[in-house]
């Protein structure tokens, strides 16, 4: 399984740290050229490699960590997203729900990624928290996952576990997933909740 992070701001870099901590290879890309990103990527760790957006999108699992709305530009790079699992780590606030056709933001994002499977995840923690080791005092920091494509969640849950997190499945976007979606200026109740799951 290959991984890429698209967007290399605070959230993208925080996630890159999570991959580096576990020595898992990950490609990073943004609007900036790979040459511009390379020093930052190398500083995070040897498994973090800057590539062009086109090359990054060859990955099996792609984490979208761009400012909300820019996903449309990313979507245009591939004619089809078939076979791709996309983790939506973005938050749409304060964009009003009517601009999202009344849909949960991840369902709106999925409309642009023709053929791809979208999973909401890694969006409820602030970057500073996401960048720290998720294993704390015998527990694992929780990440919430939701998707309208049930079979898309297991590989993302596996990745979360590899990174040291405890995945918690919330179901579909408009069901449990609503707890981690922003609706206009209203945040889902689980956003910014830093929860831990003890080892069983």
N, C-alpha and C. Protein backbone atom coordinates (compact mmCIF):
# COMPACT_ATOMS: atom_id res chain seq x y z
N UNK A 1 0.86 -1.19 0.00
CA UNK A 1 0.00 0.00 0.00
C UNK A 1 0.89 1.24 0.00
N UNK A 2 0.61 2.18 -0.89
CA UNK A 2 1.41 3.42 -0.95
C UNK A 2 0.57 4.60 -0.49
N UNK A 3 1.26 5.60 0.08
CA UNK A 3 0.57 6.72 0.73
C UNK A 3 1.10 8.07 0.24
N UNK A 4 0.21 9.05 0.19
CA UNK A 4 0.61 10.41 -0.16
C UNK A 4 -0.19 11.40 0.68
N UNK A 5 0.45 12.53 0.98
CA UNK A 5 -0.23 13.64 1.64
C UNK A 5 -0.21 14.80 0.66
N UNK A 6 -1.38 15.30 0.31
CA UNK A 6 -1.49 16.44 -0.60
C UNK A 6 -1.88 17.66 0.23
N UNK A 7 -0.98 18.63 0.26
CA UNK A 7 -1.12 19.78 1.13
C UNK A 7 -0.02 19.67 2.19
N UNK A 8 0.80 20.71 2.30
CA UNK A 8 1.94 20.60 3.22
C UNK A 8 1.98 21.80 4.17
N UNK A 9 0.77 22.19 4.60
CA UNK A 9 0.67 23.20 5.65
C UNK A 9 0.80 22.52 7.00
N UNK A 10 0.18 23.09 8.01
CA UNK A 10 0.33 22.56 9.38
C UNK A 10 -0.18 21.12 9.52
N UNK A 11 -1.36 20.85 8.96
CA UNK A 11 -1.92 19.50 9.08
C UNK A 11 -1.11 18.50 8.26
N UNK A 12 -0.77 18.86 7.03
CA UNK A 12 0.04 17.98 6.19
C UNK A 12 1.38 17.64 6.83
N UNK A 13 2.03 18.64 7.41
CA UNK A 13 3.32 18.39 8.06
C UNK A 13 3.14 17.56 9.33
N UNK A 14 2.06 17.82 10.08
CA UNK A 14 1.80 17.02 11.28
C UNK A 14 1.63 15.55 10.92
N UNK A 15 0.90 15.28 9.84
CA UNK A 15 0.71 13.90 9.40
C UNK A 15 2.02 13.30 8.89
N UNK A 16 2.83 14.10 8.22
CA UNK A 16 4.13 13.61 7.76
C UNK A 16 4.99 13.18 8.96
N UNK A 17 4.92 13.92 10.05
CA UNK A 17 5.64 13.54 11.28
C UNK A 17 5.16 12.18 11.78
N UNK A 18 3.84 11.94 11.69
CA UNK A 18 3.29 10.65 12.14
C UNK A 18 3.86 9.50 11.31
N UNK A 19 3.96 9.68 10.00
CA UNK A 19 4.54 8.66 9.13
C UNK A 19 6.03 8.46 9.44
N UNK A 20 6.74 9.57 9.60
CA UNK A 20 8.19 9.49 9.86
C UNK A 20 8.47 8.77 11.18
N UNK A 21 7.63 9.01 12.18
CA UNK A 21 7.82 8.41 13.50
C UNK A 21 7.79 6.89 13.40
N UNK A 22 6.98 6.36 12.46
CA UNK A 22 6.84 4.90 12.31
C UNK A 22 7.64 4.36 11.11
N UNK A 23 8.50 5.21 10.53
CA UNK A 23 9.31 4.81 9.37
C UNK A 23 8.48 4.26 8.22
N UNK A 24 7.33 4.89 7.98
CA UNK A 24 6.46 4.50 6.86
C UNK A 24 6.67 5.49 5.72
N UNK A 25 6.93 4.97 4.53
CA UNK A 25 7.16 5.83 3.36
C UNK A 25 5.90 6.61 3.02
N UNK A 26 6.07 7.90 2.76
CA UNK A 26 4.95 8.73 2.33
C UNK A 26 5.46 9.81 1.38
N UNK A 27 4.69 10.05 0.33
CA UNK A 27 4.98 11.12 -0.61
C UNK A 27 4.22 12.37 -0.18
N UNK A 28 4.86 13.54 -0.30
CA UNK A 28 4.15 14.78 0.01
C UNK A 28 4.20 15.70 -1.21
N UNK A 29 3.12 16.45 -1.40
CA UNK A 29 3.02 17.36 -2.54
C UNK A 29 2.13 18.53 -2.17
N UNK A 30 2.34 19.64 -2.86
CA UNK A 30 1.48 20.81 -2.65
C UNK A 30 1.55 21.68 -3.90
N UNK A 31 1.04 22.91 -3.79
CA UNK A 31 1.13 23.84 -4.92
C UNK A 31 2.57 24.22 -5.19
N UNK A 32 3.41 24.13 -4.15
CA UNK A 32 4.83 24.44 -4.32
C UNK A 32 5.54 23.28 -5.02
N UNK A 33 6.65 23.56 -5.65
CA UNK A 33 7.37 22.52 -6.39
C UNK A 33 8.02 21.54 -5.42
N UNK A 34 8.31 20.31 -5.89
CA UNK A 34 8.99 19.34 -5.03
C UNK A 34 10.32 19.88 -4.50
N UNK A 35 11.00 20.67 -5.33
CA UNK A 35 12.30 21.23 -4.91
C UNK A 35 12.13 22.17 -3.72
N UNK A 36 11.02 22.91 -3.71
CA UNK A 36 10.76 23.82 -2.59
C UNK A 36 10.38 23.06 -1.32
N UNK A 37 9.65 21.95 -1.50
CA UNK A 37 9.20 21.16 -0.34
C UNK A 37 10.29 20.27 0.23
N UNK A 38 11.25 19.89 -0.62
CA UNK A 38 12.24 18.86 -0.24
C UNK A 38 12.96 19.14 1.08
N UNK A 39 13.47 20.37 1.33
CA UNK A 39 14.18 20.59 2.60
C UNK A 39 13.30 20.34 3.83
N UNK A 40 12.03 20.79 3.77
CA UNK A 40 11.11 20.56 4.89
C UNK A 40 10.82 19.07 5.06
N UNK A 41 10.62 18.40 3.93
CA UNK A 41 10.33 16.96 3.97
C UNK A 41 11.51 16.20 4.57
N UNK A 42 12.72 16.52 4.12
CA UNK A 42 13.92 15.84 4.64
C UNK A 42 14.10 16.09 6.13
N UNK A 43 13.76 17.30 6.56
CA UNK A 43 13.90 17.66 7.98
C UNK A 43 12.96 16.83 8.86
N UNK A 44 11.83 16.41 8.31
CA UNK A 44 10.88 15.60 9.08
C UNK A 44 11.39 14.18 9.21
N UNK A 45 11.94 13.63 8.12
CA UNK A 45 12.48 12.27 8.19
C UNK A 45 12.76 11.69 6.82
N UNK A 46 13.60 10.66 6.76
CA UNK A 46 14.02 10.10 5.47
C UNK A 46 12.90 9.38 4.71
N UNK A 47 11.81 9.01 5.39
CA UNK A 47 10.72 8.30 4.70
C UNK A 47 9.72 9.28 4.07
N UNK A 48 9.94 10.59 4.28
CA UNK A 48 9.03 11.62 3.74
C UNK A 48 9.69 12.21 2.49
N UNK A 49 9.06 11.99 1.33
CA UNK A 49 9.68 12.38 0.06
C UNK A 49 8.76 13.32 -0.71
N UNK A 50 9.30 14.48 -1.08
CA UNK A 50 8.52 15.45 -1.86
C UNK A 50 8.51 15.06 -3.33
N UNK A 51 7.33 15.08 -3.94
CA UNK A 51 7.19 14.78 -5.37
C UNK A 51 6.20 15.76 -5.98
N UNK A 52 6.05 15.69 -7.30
CA UNK A 52 5.05 16.52 -7.96
C UNK A 52 3.66 16.01 -7.59
N UNK A 53 2.66 16.87 -7.75
CA UNK A 53 1.29 16.46 -7.45
C UNK A 53 0.89 15.25 -8.29
N UNK A 54 1.23 15.28 -9.57
CA UNK A 54 0.90 14.17 -10.47
C UNK A 54 1.48 12.86 -9.94
N UNK A 55 2.75 12.90 -9.53
CA UNK A 55 3.39 11.68 -9.02
C UNK A 55 2.79 11.25 -7.68
N UNK A 56 2.48 12.22 -6.82
CA UNK A 56 1.90 11.89 -5.52
C UNK A 56 0.57 11.18 -5.67
N UNK A 57 -0.20 11.55 -6.69
CA UNK A 57 -1.53 10.97 -6.87
C UNK A 57 -1.50 9.54 -7.41
N UNK A 58 -0.29 9.01 -7.62
CA UNK A 58 -0.18 7.59 -7.99
C UNK A 58 -0.37 6.68 -6.78
N UNK A 59 -0.33 7.25 -5.57
CA UNK A 59 -0.47 6.47 -4.34
C UNK A 59 -1.85 5.82 -4.25
N UNK A 60 -1.92 4.73 -3.47
CA UNK A 60 -3.19 4.04 -3.26
C UNK A 60 -4.10 4.82 -2.33
N UNK A 61 -3.51 5.35 -1.25
CA UNK A 61 -4.27 6.12 -0.26
C UNK A 61 -3.70 7.54 -0.22
N UNK A 62 -4.57 8.51 -0.44
CA UNK A 62 -4.17 9.91 -0.55
C UNK A 62 -4.87 10.70 0.54
N UNK A 63 -4.10 11.42 1.34
CA UNK A 63 -4.67 12.28 2.38
C UNK A 63 -4.76 13.69 1.83
N UNK A 64 -5.98 14.24 1.80
CA UNK A 64 -6.18 15.62 1.34
C UNK A 64 -6.12 16.55 2.53
N UNK A 65 -5.08 17.39 2.55
CA UNK A 65 -4.89 18.34 3.66
C UNK A 65 -4.70 19.75 3.11
N UNK A 66 -5.40 20.04 2.03
CA UNK A 66 -5.34 21.38 1.41
C UNK A 66 -6.44 22.25 2.02
N UNK A 67 -6.34 23.58 1.87
CA UNK A 67 -7.47 24.42 2.32
C UNK A 67 -8.74 23.99 1.58
N UNK A 68 -9.87 23.94 2.29
CA UNK A 68 -11.11 23.45 1.69
C UNK A 68 -11.45 24.26 0.45
N UNK A 69 -11.88 23.59 -0.59
CA UNK A 69 -12.19 24.25 -1.86
C UNK A 69 -11.10 23.96 -2.88
N UNK A 70 -9.85 23.86 -2.40
CA UNK A 70 -8.74 23.55 -3.32
C UNK A 70 -8.78 22.09 -3.77
N UNK A 71 -9.61 21.28 -3.10
CA UNK A 71 -9.73 19.88 -3.52
C UNK A 71 -10.20 19.79 -4.97
N UNK A 72 -10.94 20.82 -5.44
CA UNK A 72 -11.44 20.78 -6.82
C UNK A 72 -10.30 20.84 -7.83
N UNK A 73 -9.27 21.64 -7.50
CA UNK A 73 -8.10 21.73 -8.38
C UNK A 73 -7.34 20.41 -8.37
N UNK A 74 -7.21 19.82 -7.20
CA UNK A 74 -6.52 18.52 -7.09
C UNK A 74 -7.30 17.46 -7.88
N UNK A 75 -8.62 17.51 -7.78
CA UNK A 75 -9.47 16.51 -8.45
C UNK A 75 -9.25 16.49 -9.96
N UNK A 76 -8.98 17.67 -10.53
CA UNK A 76 -8.83 17.78 -12.00
C UNK A 76 -7.56 17.11 -12.52
N UNK A 77 -6.61 16.82 -11.63
CA UNK A 77 -5.33 16.26 -12.08
C UNK A 77 -5.50 14.84 -12.62
N UNK A 78 -6.45 14.08 -12.05
CA UNK A 78 -6.70 12.72 -12.52
C UNK A 78 -8.02 12.66 -13.28
N UNK A 79 -8.06 12.01 -14.44
CA UNK A 79 -9.32 11.87 -15.17
C UNK A 79 -10.30 10.98 -14.42
N UNK A 80 -9.78 10.00 -13.67
CA UNK A 80 -10.63 9.12 -12.86
C UNK A 80 -9.90 8.81 -11.55
N UNK A 81 -10.67 8.74 -10.46
CA UNK A 81 -10.10 8.41 -9.15
C UNK A 81 -10.41 6.97 -8.78
N UNK A 82 -10.82 6.18 -9.76
CA UNK A 82 -11.15 4.77 -9.51
C UNK A 82 -9.94 4.06 -8.91
N UNK A 83 -10.17 3.28 -7.87
CA UNK A 83 -9.09 2.55 -7.21
C UNK A 83 -8.37 3.35 -6.13
N UNK A 84 -8.72 4.63 -5.98
CA UNK A 84 -8.08 5.48 -4.97
C UNK A 84 -8.96 5.61 -3.73
N UNK A 85 -8.32 5.56 -2.59
CA UNK A 85 -9.00 5.90 -1.33
C UNK A 85 -8.46 7.25 -0.90
N UNK A 86 -9.36 8.19 -0.66
CA UNK A 86 -8.97 9.56 -0.30
C UNK A 86 -9.44 9.85 1.12
N UNK A 87 -8.48 10.22 1.97
CA UNK A 87 -8.81 10.62 3.34
C UNK A 87 -9.00 12.13 3.35
N UNK A 88 -10.19 12.56 3.69
CA UNK A 88 -10.51 13.98 3.76
C UNK A 88 -10.16 14.49 5.16
N UNK A 89 -9.02 15.16 5.27
CA UNK A 89 -8.57 15.71 6.56
C UNK A 89 -8.87 17.21 6.64
N UNK A 90 -9.76 17.69 5.75
CA UNK A 90 -10.07 19.12 5.70
C UNK A 90 -11.30 19.43 6.54
N UNK A 91 -11.44 20.70 6.90
CA UNK A 91 -12.67 21.19 7.53
C UNK A 91 -13.20 22.34 6.69
N UNK A 92 -14.52 22.35 6.48
CA UNK A 92 -15.11 23.33 5.56
C UNK A 92 -15.51 24.64 6.22
N UNK A 93 -15.49 24.70 7.55
CA UNK A 93 -15.93 25.92 8.24
C UNK A 93 -15.07 27.11 7.79
N UNK A 94 -15.64 28.30 7.56
CA UNK A 94 -17.02 28.71 7.81
C UNK A 94 -17.89 28.72 6.55
N UNK A 95 -17.57 27.89 5.55
CA UNK A 95 -18.37 27.87 4.32
C UNK A 95 -19.80 27.45 4.64
N UNK A 96 -20.81 28.23 4.23
CA UNK A 96 -22.19 27.90 4.59
C UNK A 96 -22.66 26.60 3.91
N UNK A 97 -23.53 25.84 4.59
CA UNK A 97 -23.99 24.55 4.06
C UNK A 97 -24.59 24.65 2.66
N UNK A 98 -25.25 25.79 2.35
CA UNK A 98 -25.87 25.89 1.01
C UNK A 98 -24.82 25.88 -0.10
N UNK A 99 -23.59 26.31 0.19
CA UNK A 99 -22.52 26.26 -0.82
C UNK A 99 -22.02 24.83 -1.02
N UNK A 100 -22.39 23.95 -0.11
CA UNK A 100 -22.02 22.54 -0.21
C UNK A 100 -23.21 21.70 -0.67
N UNK A 101 -24.18 22.37 -1.30
CA UNK A 101 -25.41 21.70 -1.75
C UNK A 101 -26.14 21.01 -0.61
N UNK A 102 -25.95 21.52 0.62
CA UNK A 102 -26.61 20.94 1.79
C UNK A 102 -26.02 19.61 2.23
N UNK A 103 -24.90 19.20 1.62
CA UNK A 103 -24.29 17.90 1.94
C UNK A 103 -23.26 18.04 3.05
N UNK A 104 -22.95 16.95 3.77
CA UNK A 104 -21.76 16.96 4.63
C UNK A 104 -20.55 17.25 3.74
N UNK A 105 -19.57 17.96 4.27
CA UNK A 105 -18.46 18.42 3.42
C UNK A 105 -17.75 17.27 2.70
N UNK A 106 -17.59 16.12 3.35
CA UNK A 106 -16.90 15.00 2.69
C UNK A 106 -17.71 14.43 1.53
N UNK A 107 -19.03 14.43 1.65
CA UNK A 107 -19.88 13.99 0.54
C UNK A 107 -19.76 14.97 -0.62
N UNK A 108 -19.62 16.25 -0.30
CA UNK A 108 -19.42 17.28 -1.33
C UNK A 108 -18.07 17.07 -2.03
N UNK A 109 -17.04 16.79 -1.24
CA UNK A 109 -15.70 16.52 -1.80
C UNK A 109 -15.77 15.30 -2.72
N UNK A 110 -16.47 14.26 -2.29
CA UNK A 110 -16.55 13.01 -3.06
C UNK A 110 -17.12 13.24 -4.45
N UNK A 111 -18.01 14.23 -4.60
CA UNK A 111 -18.59 14.51 -5.93
C UNK A 111 -17.52 14.90 -6.95
N UNK A 112 -16.43 15.54 -6.48
CA UNK A 112 -15.36 15.96 -7.40
C UNK A 112 -14.42 14.82 -7.76
N UNK A 113 -14.34 13.80 -6.91
CA UNK A 113 -13.35 12.74 -7.07
C UNK A 113 -14.02 11.52 -7.71
N UNK A 114 -14.35 11.64 -8.97
CA UNK A 114 -15.12 10.62 -9.68
C UNK A 114 -14.48 9.25 -9.58
N UNK A 115 -15.23 8.31 -9.00
CA UNK A 115 -14.75 6.93 -8.90
C UNK A 115 -13.95 6.64 -7.65
N UNK A 116 -13.53 7.69 -6.93
CA UNK A 116 -12.73 7.50 -5.72
C UNK A 116 -13.61 7.22 -4.51
N UNK A 117 -12.99 6.67 -3.46
CA UNK A 117 -13.70 6.41 -2.20
C UNK A 117 -13.17 7.37 -1.15
N UNK A 118 -14.06 8.14 -0.54
CA UNK A 118 -13.65 9.18 0.41
C UNK A 118 -13.97 8.76 1.84
N UNK A 119 -12.99 8.94 2.70
CA UNK A 119 -13.14 8.66 4.14
C UNK A 119 -12.80 9.94 4.89
N UNK A 120 -13.69 10.37 5.78
CA UNK A 120 -13.39 11.50 6.65
C UNK A 120 -12.50 10.99 7.77
N UNK A 121 -11.38 11.68 8.01
CA UNK A 121 -10.49 11.23 9.08
C UNK A 121 -9.36 12.22 9.33
N UNK A 122 -8.83 12.19 10.53
CA UNK A 122 -7.68 13.02 10.93
C UNK A 122 -7.98 14.51 10.90
N UNK A 123 -9.26 14.88 10.86
CA UNK A 123 -9.62 16.30 10.76
C UNK A 123 -10.01 16.91 12.10
N UNK A 124 -10.21 16.08 13.12
CA UNK A 124 -10.79 16.63 14.36
C UNK A 124 -9.74 17.08 15.38
N UNK A 125 -8.46 16.82 15.09
CA UNK A 125 -7.41 17.24 16.01
C UNK A 125 -6.65 18.43 15.44
N UNK A 126 -6.23 19.34 16.32
CA UNK A 126 -5.42 20.46 15.84
C UNK A 126 -4.04 19.93 15.44
N UNK A 127 -3.36 20.66 14.56
CA UNK A 127 -2.09 20.19 14.00
C UNK A 127 -1.06 19.88 15.09
N UNK A 128 -0.96 20.74 16.09
CA UNK A 128 0.05 20.54 17.14
C UNK A 128 -0.16 19.20 17.86
N UNK A 129 -1.43 18.83 18.06
CA UNK A 129 -1.74 17.56 18.72
C UNK A 129 -1.48 16.40 17.77
N UNK A 130 -1.88 16.56 16.52
CA UNK A 130 -1.71 15.51 15.52
C UNK A 130 -0.23 15.18 15.31
N UNK A 131 0.63 16.17 15.50
CA UNK A 131 2.07 15.98 15.26
C UNK A 131 2.77 15.22 16.38
N UNK A 132 2.13 15.12 17.55
CA UNK A 132 2.79 14.47 18.69
C UNK A 132 2.51 12.97 18.68
N UNK A 133 3.32 12.23 19.41
CA UNK A 133 3.17 10.78 19.49
C UNK A 133 1.78 10.43 20.01
N UNK A 134 1.01 9.62 19.25
CA UNK A 134 -0.36 9.30 19.69
C UNK A 134 -0.43 8.25 20.79
N UNK A 135 0.72 7.67 21.13
CA UNK A 135 0.75 6.68 22.22
C UNK A 135 1.10 7.42 23.50
N UNK A 136 0.13 7.51 24.41
CA UNK A 136 0.30 8.28 25.64
C UNK A 136 -0.19 7.47 26.84
N UNK A 137 0.70 7.26 27.79
CA UNK A 137 0.35 6.61 29.07
C UNK A 137 -0.47 5.33 28.88
N UNK A 138 0.00 4.48 28.01
CA UNK A 138 -0.66 3.19 27.81
C UNK A 138 -1.92 3.25 26.98
N UNK A 139 -2.23 4.43 26.44
CA UNK A 139 -3.40 4.57 25.57
C UNK A 139 -3.01 5.11 24.20
N UNK A 140 -3.96 5.06 23.29
CA UNK A 140 -3.73 5.55 21.93
C UNK A 140 -4.72 6.67 21.63
N UNK A 141 -4.21 7.74 21.04
CA UNK A 141 -5.08 8.85 20.66
C UNK A 141 -6.09 8.36 19.61
N UNK A 142 -7.33 8.75 19.77
CA UNK A 142 -8.41 8.30 18.89
C UNK A 142 -8.46 9.15 17.61
N UNK A 143 -8.69 8.48 16.48
CA UNK A 143 -9.08 9.19 15.25
C UNK A 143 -10.43 8.62 14.81
N UNK A 144 -11.33 9.51 14.44
CA UNK A 144 -12.67 9.13 14.02
C UNK A 144 -12.71 8.99 12.50
N UNK A 145 -13.34 7.92 12.03
CA UNK A 145 -13.43 7.66 10.59
C UNK A 145 -14.89 7.48 10.19
N UNK A 146 -15.26 8.10 9.08
CA UNK A 146 -16.61 7.89 8.54
C UNK A 146 -16.53 7.88 7.02
N UNK A 147 -17.47 7.18 6.40
CA UNK A 147 -17.50 7.11 4.94
C UNK A 147 -18.85 6.59 4.48
N UNK A 148 -19.25 7.01 3.30
CA UNK A 148 -20.45 6.45 2.68
C UNK A 148 -20.12 5.14 1.96
N UNK A 149 -18.83 4.83 1.86
CA UNK A 149 -18.38 3.57 1.23
C UNK A 149 -17.80 2.70 2.33
N UNK A 150 -18.58 1.73 2.79
CA UNK A 150 -18.18 0.95 3.96
C UNK A 150 -16.83 0.25 3.78
N UNK A 151 -16.56 -0.23 2.56
CA UNK A 151 -15.32 -0.97 2.35
C UNK A 151 -14.09 -0.07 2.27
N UNK A 152 -14.30 1.25 2.29
CA UNK A 152 -13.16 2.18 2.25
C UNK A 152 -12.54 2.37 3.64
N UNK A 153 -13.31 2.08 4.69
CA UNK A 153 -12.82 2.38 6.04
C UNK A 153 -11.72 1.42 6.51
N UNK A 154 -11.81 0.08 6.27
CA UNK A 154 -10.79 -0.82 6.82
C UNK A 154 -9.33 -0.46 6.47
N UNK A 155 -8.99 -0.13 5.19
CA UNK A 155 -7.59 0.21 4.93
C UNK A 155 -7.14 1.49 5.64
N UNK A 156 -8.07 2.43 5.83
CA UNK A 156 -7.74 3.67 6.54
C UNK A 156 -7.58 3.38 8.03
N UNK A 157 -8.44 2.51 8.56
CA UNK A 157 -8.30 2.10 9.97
C UNK A 157 -6.96 1.39 10.18
N UNK A 158 -6.56 0.55 9.22
CA UNK A 158 -5.26 -0.13 9.31
C UNK A 158 -4.11 0.88 9.33
N UNK A 159 -4.21 1.89 8.47
CA UNK A 159 -3.17 2.93 8.44
C UNK A 159 -3.13 3.66 9.78
N UNK A 160 -4.30 4.03 10.30
CA UNK A 160 -4.36 4.73 11.59
C UNK A 160 -3.66 3.92 12.67
N UNK A 161 -3.92 2.60 12.68
CA UNK A 161 -3.27 1.72 13.67
C UNK A 161 -1.76 1.69 13.48
N UNK A 162 -1.33 1.59 12.22
CA UNK A 162 0.12 1.60 11.94
C UNK A 162 0.78 2.87 12.45
N UNK A 163 0.05 3.98 12.37
CA UNK A 163 0.59 5.27 12.82
C UNK A 163 0.50 5.43 14.33
N UNK A 164 -0.13 4.47 15.01
CA UNK A 164 -0.20 4.51 16.47
C UNK A 164 -1.50 5.04 17.04
N UNK A 165 -2.48 5.32 16.16
CA UNK A 165 -3.77 5.85 16.61
C UNK A 165 -4.76 4.71 16.85
N UNK A 166 -5.83 5.03 17.55
CA UNK A 166 -6.93 4.08 17.75
C UNK A 166 -8.10 4.53 16.87
N UNK A 167 -8.38 3.83 15.76
CA UNK A 167 -9.48 4.25 14.89
C UNK A 167 -10.84 3.91 15.50
N UNK A 168 -11.76 4.85 15.40
CA UNK A 168 -13.13 4.64 15.85
C UNK A 168 -14.04 4.93 14.66
N UNK A 169 -14.82 3.93 14.24
CA UNK A 169 -15.68 4.08 13.07
C UNK A 169 -17.01 4.71 13.46
N UNK A 170 -17.39 5.74 12.73
CA UNK A 170 -18.63 6.47 13.04
C UNK A 170 -19.77 6.20 12.06
N UNK A 171 -19.50 5.39 11.03
CA UNK A 171 -20.56 5.12 10.05
C UNK A 171 -20.55 6.12 8.91
N UNK A 172 -21.72 6.38 8.35
CA UNK A 172 -21.82 7.23 7.16
C UNK A 172 -21.68 8.71 7.52
N UNK A 173 -21.40 9.52 6.48
CA UNK A 173 -21.16 10.95 6.69
C UNK A 173 -22.31 11.64 7.41
N UNK A 174 -23.55 11.31 7.01
CA UNK A 174 -24.69 12.03 7.58
C UNK A 174 -25.24 11.33 8.82
N UNK A 175 -24.56 10.27 9.27
CA UNK A 175 -24.95 9.59 10.49
C UNK A 175 -23.94 9.98 11.57
N UNK A 176 -23.17 9.01 12.09
CA UNK A 176 -22.15 9.34 13.10
C UNK A 176 -21.11 10.31 12.58
N UNK A 177 -20.89 10.28 11.26
CA UNK A 177 -19.91 11.18 10.66
C UNK A 177 -20.22 12.65 10.88
N UNK A 178 -21.50 12.96 11.11
CA UNK A 178 -21.88 14.36 11.35
C UNK A 178 -21.20 14.92 12.59
N UNK A 179 -20.76 14.05 13.48
CA UNK A 179 -20.09 14.50 14.71
C UNK A 179 -18.71 15.08 14.45
N UNK A 180 -18.13 14.79 13.27
CA UNK A 180 -16.81 15.34 12.95
C UNK A 180 -16.84 16.25 11.72
N UNK A 181 -18.04 16.69 11.34
CA UNK A 181 -18.18 17.63 10.24
C UNK A 181 -18.54 19.02 10.77
N UNK A 182 -18.01 20.03 10.12
CA UNK A 182 -18.44 21.40 10.41
C UNK A 182 -19.61 21.72 9.49
N UNK A 183 -20.60 22.43 10.01
CA UNK A 183 -21.74 22.88 9.19
C UNK A 183 -21.78 24.39 9.31
N UNK A 184 -21.25 25.08 8.32
CA UNK A 184 -21.17 26.53 8.41
C UNK A 184 -20.25 26.91 9.56
N UNK A 185 -20.78 27.63 10.53
CA UNK A 185 -19.97 28.03 11.69
C UNK A 185 -20.17 27.12 12.89
N UNK A 186 -20.89 26.01 12.68
CA UNK A 186 -21.15 25.06 13.77
C UNK A 186 -20.23 23.84 13.60
N UNK A 187 -19.49 23.53 14.63
CA UNK A 187 -18.57 22.39 14.58
C UNK A 187 -19.26 21.15 15.13
N UNK A 188 -18.97 19.99 14.51
CA UNK A 188 -19.45 18.72 15.05
C UNK A 188 -18.94 18.53 16.47
N UNK A 189 -19.69 17.79 17.28
CA UNK A 189 -19.37 17.70 18.71
C UNK A 189 -18.06 16.98 19.02
N UNK A 190 -17.54 16.20 18.08
CA UNK A 190 -16.29 15.48 18.35
C UNK A 190 -15.06 16.22 17.81
N UNK A 191 -15.28 17.31 17.08
CA UNK A 191 -14.13 18.08 16.58
C UNK A 191 -13.43 18.73 17.77
N UNK A 192 -12.11 18.62 17.77
CA UNK A 192 -11.22 19.12 18.83
C UNK A 192 -11.28 18.30 20.12
N UNK A 193 -12.03 17.19 20.11
CA UNK A 193 -12.04 16.31 21.29
C UNK A 193 -10.82 15.39 21.23
N UNK A 194 -9.93 15.53 22.18
CA UNK A 194 -8.71 14.73 22.21
C UNK A 194 -8.94 13.55 23.16
N UNK A 195 -9.34 12.40 22.59
CA UNK A 195 -9.72 11.24 23.39
C UNK A 195 -8.70 10.12 23.25
N UNK A 196 -8.65 9.26 24.25
CA UNK A 196 -7.69 8.16 24.23
C UNK A 196 -8.41 6.83 24.47
N UNK A 197 -7.83 5.79 23.88
CA UNK A 197 -8.38 4.45 24.08
C UNK A 197 -7.26 3.63 24.71
N UNK A 198 -7.56 3.02 25.84
CA UNK A 198 -6.55 2.21 26.54
C UNK A 198 -6.34 0.89 25.81
N UNK A 199 -5.13 0.35 25.97
CA UNK A 199 -4.83 -0.96 25.40
C UNK A 199 -5.77 -1.99 26.01
N UNK A 200 -6.24 -2.92 25.19
CA UNK A 200 -7.13 -3.98 25.71
C UNK A 200 -6.30 -5.09 26.32
